[in-house]
Protein backbone atom coordinates (compact mmCIF):
# COMPACT_ATOMS: atom_id res chain seq x y z
CA MET A 1 129.81 98.35 55.14
CA ALA A 2 131.10 97.61 51.47
CA ALA A 3 128.96 98.11 48.38
CA VAL A 4 129.38 98.12 44.74
CA ILE A 5 127.52 100.67 42.65
CA VAL A 6 127.38 100.19 39.10
CA GLY A 7 127.41 103.53 36.74
CA ALA A 8 128.59 105.66 39.56
CA SER A 9 130.10 108.34 37.17
CA SER A 10 126.95 109.25 36.26
CA VAL A 11 125.06 111.82 38.26
CA ILE A 12 122.80 109.89 40.24
CA GLY A 13 125.71 107.19 41.09
CA ALA A 14 128.04 110.01 42.04
CA GLU A 15 125.66 111.38 44.74
CA THR A 16 125.06 107.68 45.78
CA ALA A 17 128.55 107.18 46.00
CA ARG A 18 128.99 109.48 48.72
CA VAL A 19 127.62 106.81 51.01
CA HIS A 20 129.12 103.62 49.67
CA VAL A 21 132.61 102.18 48.56
CA VAL A 22 133.20 100.49 44.87
CA MET A 23 132.51 102.12 41.62
CA GLY A 24 132.02 100.14 38.57
CA VAL A 25 132.49 102.75 35.78
CA ARG A 26 132.67 102.38 31.89
CA ASN A 27 134.42 105.89 31.47
CA VAL A 28 137.48 105.30 33.84
CA ALA A 29 138.54 109.03 33.73
CA ALA A 30 135.18 110.16 34.62
CA GLY A 31 135.06 107.70 37.57
CA LYS A 32 138.60 109.02 38.71
CA ASP A 33 137.19 112.49 38.61
CA VAL A 34 133.95 111.68 40.63
CA LYS A 35 136.29 109.74 43.15
CA GLU A 36 138.72 112.62 43.51
CA ALA A 37 135.48 115.21 43.97
CA ILE A 38 133.96 112.85 46.85
CA VAL A 39 137.62 112.16 48.76
CA LYS A 40 137.85 115.85 48.37
CA GLU A 41 134.74 116.54 50.16
CA ILE A 42 134.57 113.92 52.34
CA SER A 43 138.49 113.06 53.40
CA THR A 44 137.78 109.94 55.28
CA ALA A 45 135.73 108.28 52.42
CA LYS A 46 136.97 105.00 50.84
CA VAL A 47 136.19 105.16 47.36
CA ASP A 48 137.54 102.73 44.49
CA ALA A 49 136.98 103.05 40.96
CA MET A 50 136.90 99.74 38.76
CA GLU A 51 136.42 99.63 34.87
CA LEU A 52 133.06 97.90 34.15
CA ASP A 53 131.32 98.09 30.66
CA LEU A 54 127.97 96.63 31.34
CA SER A 55 127.08 96.21 27.31
CA SER A 56 129.90 93.61 27.33
CA MET A 57 129.69 90.18 29.15
CA GLU A 58 133.62 89.90 29.14
CA SER A 59 133.90 93.00 30.83
CA VAL A 60 131.20 91.99 33.65
CA ARG A 61 133.03 88.69 34.11
CA LYS A 62 136.44 90.58 34.75
CA PHE A 63 135.06 92.94 37.05
CA ALA A 64 133.02 90.58 39.37
CA SER A 65 136.41 88.35 38.88
CA ASP A 66 138.65 91.23 40.10
CA PHE A 67 136.34 92.05 42.71
CA SER A 68 135.99 88.66 44.13
CA SER A 69 139.69 88.01 43.87
CA SER A 70 140.22 91.41 46.15
CA GLY A 71 138.80 89.62 49.10
CA ARG A 72 136.52 92.41 49.88
CA PRO A 73 132.86 91.70 51.30
CA LEU A 74 129.89 92.83 49.93
CA ASN A 75 126.60 94.28 51.63
CA LEU A 76 125.23 96.47 49.16
CA LEU A 77 124.94 96.18 45.14
CA ILE A 78 123.14 99.03 43.61
CA ASN A 79 122.80 98.24 39.68
CA ASN A 80 122.38 102.03 38.56
CA ALA A 81 124.07 102.12 34.74
CA GLY A 82 121.73 102.58 31.83
CA ILE A 83 121.44 103.98 28.28
CA MET A 84 117.89 105.38 27.34
CA ALA A 85 115.96 105.47 23.81
CA THR A 86 119.21 104.76 21.58
CA PRO A 87 118.83 104.20 17.87
CA PHE A 88 119.09 100.29 17.42
CA MET A 89 122.55 98.91 17.89
CA LEU A 90 123.82 95.95 18.85
CA SER A 91 126.33 95.08 21.89
CA LYS A 92 129.86 93.39 21.57
CA ASP A 93 127.94 90.23 22.30
CA ASN A 94 125.18 90.60 19.50
CA ILE A 95 122.29 91.55 21.57
CA GLU A 96 120.34 94.83 21.46
CA LEU A 97 122.40 97.17 23.10
CA GLN A 98 119.62 98.57 25.77
CA PHE A 99 118.57 95.25 26.76
CA ALA A 100 122.31 93.97 26.63
CA THR A 101 123.39 97.34 28.72
CA ASN A 102 120.32 97.74 30.97
CA HIS A 103 119.34 94.18 31.85
CA ILE A 104 121.73 91.56 30.71
CA GLY A 105 124.83 93.33 32.30
CA HIS A 106 123.12 93.76 35.80
CA PHE A 107 121.68 90.27 35.49
CA LEU A 108 125.13 88.71 34.79
CA LEU A 109 126.83 90.95 37.44
CA THR A 110 124.44 90.13 40.16
CA HIS A 111 124.69 86.30 39.58
CA LEU A 112 128.35 86.78 39.90
CA LEU A 113 128.54 88.61 42.94
CA LEU A 114 125.71 86.93 44.83
CA ASP A 115 127.74 84.09 46.52
CA THR A 116 130.15 86.91 48.13
CA MET A 117 126.92 88.96 49.29
CA LYS A 118 125.72 85.82 50.90
CA LYS A 119 129.01 85.02 52.63
CA THR A 120 129.20 88.40 53.96
CA ALA A 121 125.62 88.53 55.24
CA ARG A 122 126.38 85.23 56.95
CA ALA A 123 129.64 86.25 58.33
CA ARG A 124 128.73 89.81 59.53
CA LYS A 125 125.12 88.79 60.30
CA ARG A 126 123.92 91.95 58.57
CA GLU A 127 121.31 91.93 55.79
CA GLY A 128 122.47 92.71 52.15
CA ARG A 129 120.52 94.56 49.71
CA ILE A 130 120.62 94.63 46.07
CA ILE A 131 118.73 97.42 44.10
CA ASN A 132 117.85 97.65 40.58
CA VAL A 133 117.38 101.00 39.41
CA SER A 134 114.48 100.77 37.30
CA SER A 135 111.97 103.35 35.82
CA GLU A 136 108.28 104.13 35.33
CA ALA A 137 109.24 103.32 31.48
CA HIS A 138 108.82 99.62 32.78
CA ARG A 139 104.97 100.34 31.89
CA TYR A 140 105.58 101.51 28.46
CA THR A 141 107.19 98.57 26.71
CA TYR A 142 106.29 96.72 23.51
CA LYS A 143 102.38 95.68 23.65
CA GLU A 144 103.50 92.05 24.22
CA GLY A 145 105.79 92.85 27.07
CA ILE A 146 109.48 91.76 26.52
CA LEU A 147 110.05 90.57 23.30
CA PHE A 148 112.41 87.74 24.00
CA ASP A 149 112.36 86.09 20.49
CA LYS A 150 112.57 89.59 18.89
CA ILE A 151 115.00 91.27 21.12
CA ASN A 152 117.26 91.79 17.89
CA ASP A 153 114.72 92.60 15.65
CA GLN A 154 115.30 95.94 13.98
CA SER A 155 112.31 96.06 11.68
CA GLY A 156 110.17 96.26 14.81
CA TYR A 157 112.32 98.29 16.86
CA SER A 158 110.97 101.27 18.59
CA SER A 159 113.83 102.99 20.76
CA PHE A 160 111.60 103.90 23.79
CA ALA A 161 109.68 100.71 23.92
CA ALA A 162 113.15 98.72 23.89
CA TYR A 163 113.96 101.05 26.99
CA GLY A 164 111.04 100.37 28.69
CA GLN A 165 111.35 96.43 28.11
CA SER A 166 114.86 96.77 29.59
CA LYS A 167 113.21 98.30 32.69
CA LEU A 168 110.48 95.95 33.03
CA ALA A 169 113.32 93.12 32.96
CA ASN A 170 114.80 95.15 35.78
CA VAL A 171 111.71 94.93 37.94
CA LEU A 172 111.08 91.19 37.04
CA HIS A 173 114.72 90.38 37.89
CA ALA A 174 114.43 91.84 41.31
CA ASN A 175 110.91 90.41 42.07
CA GLU A 176 112.26 86.91 41.22
CA LEU A 177 115.46 87.26 42.69
CA ALA A 178 113.66 88.49 45.99
CA ARG A 179 111.66 85.24 45.84
CA ARG A 180 114.53 82.90 45.30
CA LEU A 181 116.61 84.55 48.15
CA LYS A 182 113.78 84.16 50.67
CA GLU A 183 113.40 80.51 49.42
CA ASP A 184 117.11 80.02 50.14
CA GLY A 185 116.69 81.76 53.37
CA ALA A 186 119.56 84.21 52.69
CA ASP A 187 119.50 87.18 54.49
CA ILE A 188 119.72 89.75 51.32
CA THR A 189 116.70 92.05 50.32
CA ALA A 190 116.08 92.57 46.42
CA ASN A 191 114.37 95.49 45.22
CA SER A 192 113.75 97.59 42.10
CA LEU A 193 112.85 101.37 42.26
CA HIS A 194 111.98 104.65 40.08
CA PRO A 195 114.13 107.12 41.58
CA GLY A 196 111.95 110.06 39.76
CA THR A 197 112.42 111.88 36.67
CA ILE A 198 115.57 113.68 36.97
CA ALA A 199 117.63 115.71 34.65
CA THR A 200 120.43 113.44 33.60
CA ASN A 201 122.41 112.45 30.36
CA LEU A 202 120.13 109.52 30.03
CA PHE A 203 118.03 112.01 27.70
CA ARG A 204 120.68 112.58 25.27
CA HIS A 205 119.66 110.30 22.61
CA ILE A 206 116.08 111.30 22.23
CA ASN A 207 115.58 113.79 19.31
CA LEU A 208 112.52 115.65 18.74
CA GLY A 209 113.06 116.95 15.43
CA PRO A 210 115.07 120.00 13.75
CA VAL A 211 113.08 122.41 15.65
CA THR A 212 113.49 121.51 19.29
CA GLY A 213 116.52 119.25 18.71
CA ASN A 214 117.98 116.87 21.35
CA LEU A 215 115.67 116.44 24.48
CA LEU A 216 118.71 116.97 26.67
CA GLY A 217 118.58 120.70 26.10
CA LEU A 218 114.82 120.93 27.04
CA VAL A 219 115.79 118.95 30.09
CA ASN A 220 118.46 120.93 31.14
CA ILE A 221 116.24 124.34 30.85
CA PHE A 222 112.89 123.04 32.41
CA GLY A 223 114.36 120.30 34.71
CA LYS A 224 115.07 122.68 37.54
CA ILE A 225 111.31 123.62 37.56
CA ALA A 226 109.54 120.42 36.54
CA LEU A 227 111.77 117.52 37.53
CA LYS A 228 113.54 116.16 40.71
CA ASN A 229 117.10 117.18 41.23
CA VAL A 230 120.19 114.83 41.35
CA GLN A 231 120.07 114.79 45.10
CA GLN A 232 116.48 113.99 45.32
CA GLY A 233 116.51 110.99 42.81
CA ALA A 234 119.92 109.60 44.84
CA ALA A 235 118.18 109.81 48.12
CA THR A 236 115.51 107.40 46.98
CA THR A 237 118.11 105.27 45.94
CA CYS A 238 120.00 105.43 49.23
CA TYR A 239 116.53 105.15 51.23
CA VAL A 240 116.07 101.69 49.70
CA ALA A 241 119.42 100.49 50.16
CA LEU A 242 119.94 101.73 53.70
CA HIS A 243 116.97 102.48 55.74
CA PRO A 244 115.84 100.35 58.57
CA GLN A 245 112.39 100.26 57.55
CA VAL A 246 113.36 98.46 54.51
CA LYS A 247 114.76 95.27 56.15
CA GLY A 248 112.88 92.37 54.81
CA LYS A 249 110.80 94.24 52.25
CA LYS A 250 110.37 92.61 49.05
């Protein structure tokens, strides 16, 4: 079975990569460390790390082109990369950074790899699966929902609402993709999921002021008590990606 995991140098991606193969990583050095750690623990693991910056459409296109040119099959695509609650910034393509990274990059990558997935499903007679790792935060976006006409409006920007709208886009993308795949008769399942609230570096941009400082510090302190651990979060993703009971579920 062949897979692409986006954001695999993060802790959730690293745990999930114990089951899969190709890691798309922005930080190549971190990706190399994860690969070496996996191979050290599981000597038979076949793991490759390829550079991928989801905030750059040029990088996404290069990754997809390099992957397709490699001739690899593709059974699983796990769209796991993400940033949360960042200050207002624009991507290299002049799109609000959270929307560009969390949605546009994954959307484009999925589109570019979809033909390979369809061919693999037909040739191997095995269902393909596409997983968008979303968040319960998709319920807490702007009151109007996704502000398609105001994505780059700095004056009305809310860092957490912007994160929420990007996560809502993940859900809507998976839902519409599932509908179209079923309509096309493709043997590919598309789903989105919330892995649980986990102590990861996603919290690094949330600051609670001069007294409590960055939220990541509090998460590290209390996370072991109140939050899921990394293995539990990754297990949710692996279940949706691999379990037979999810076959055909959209």
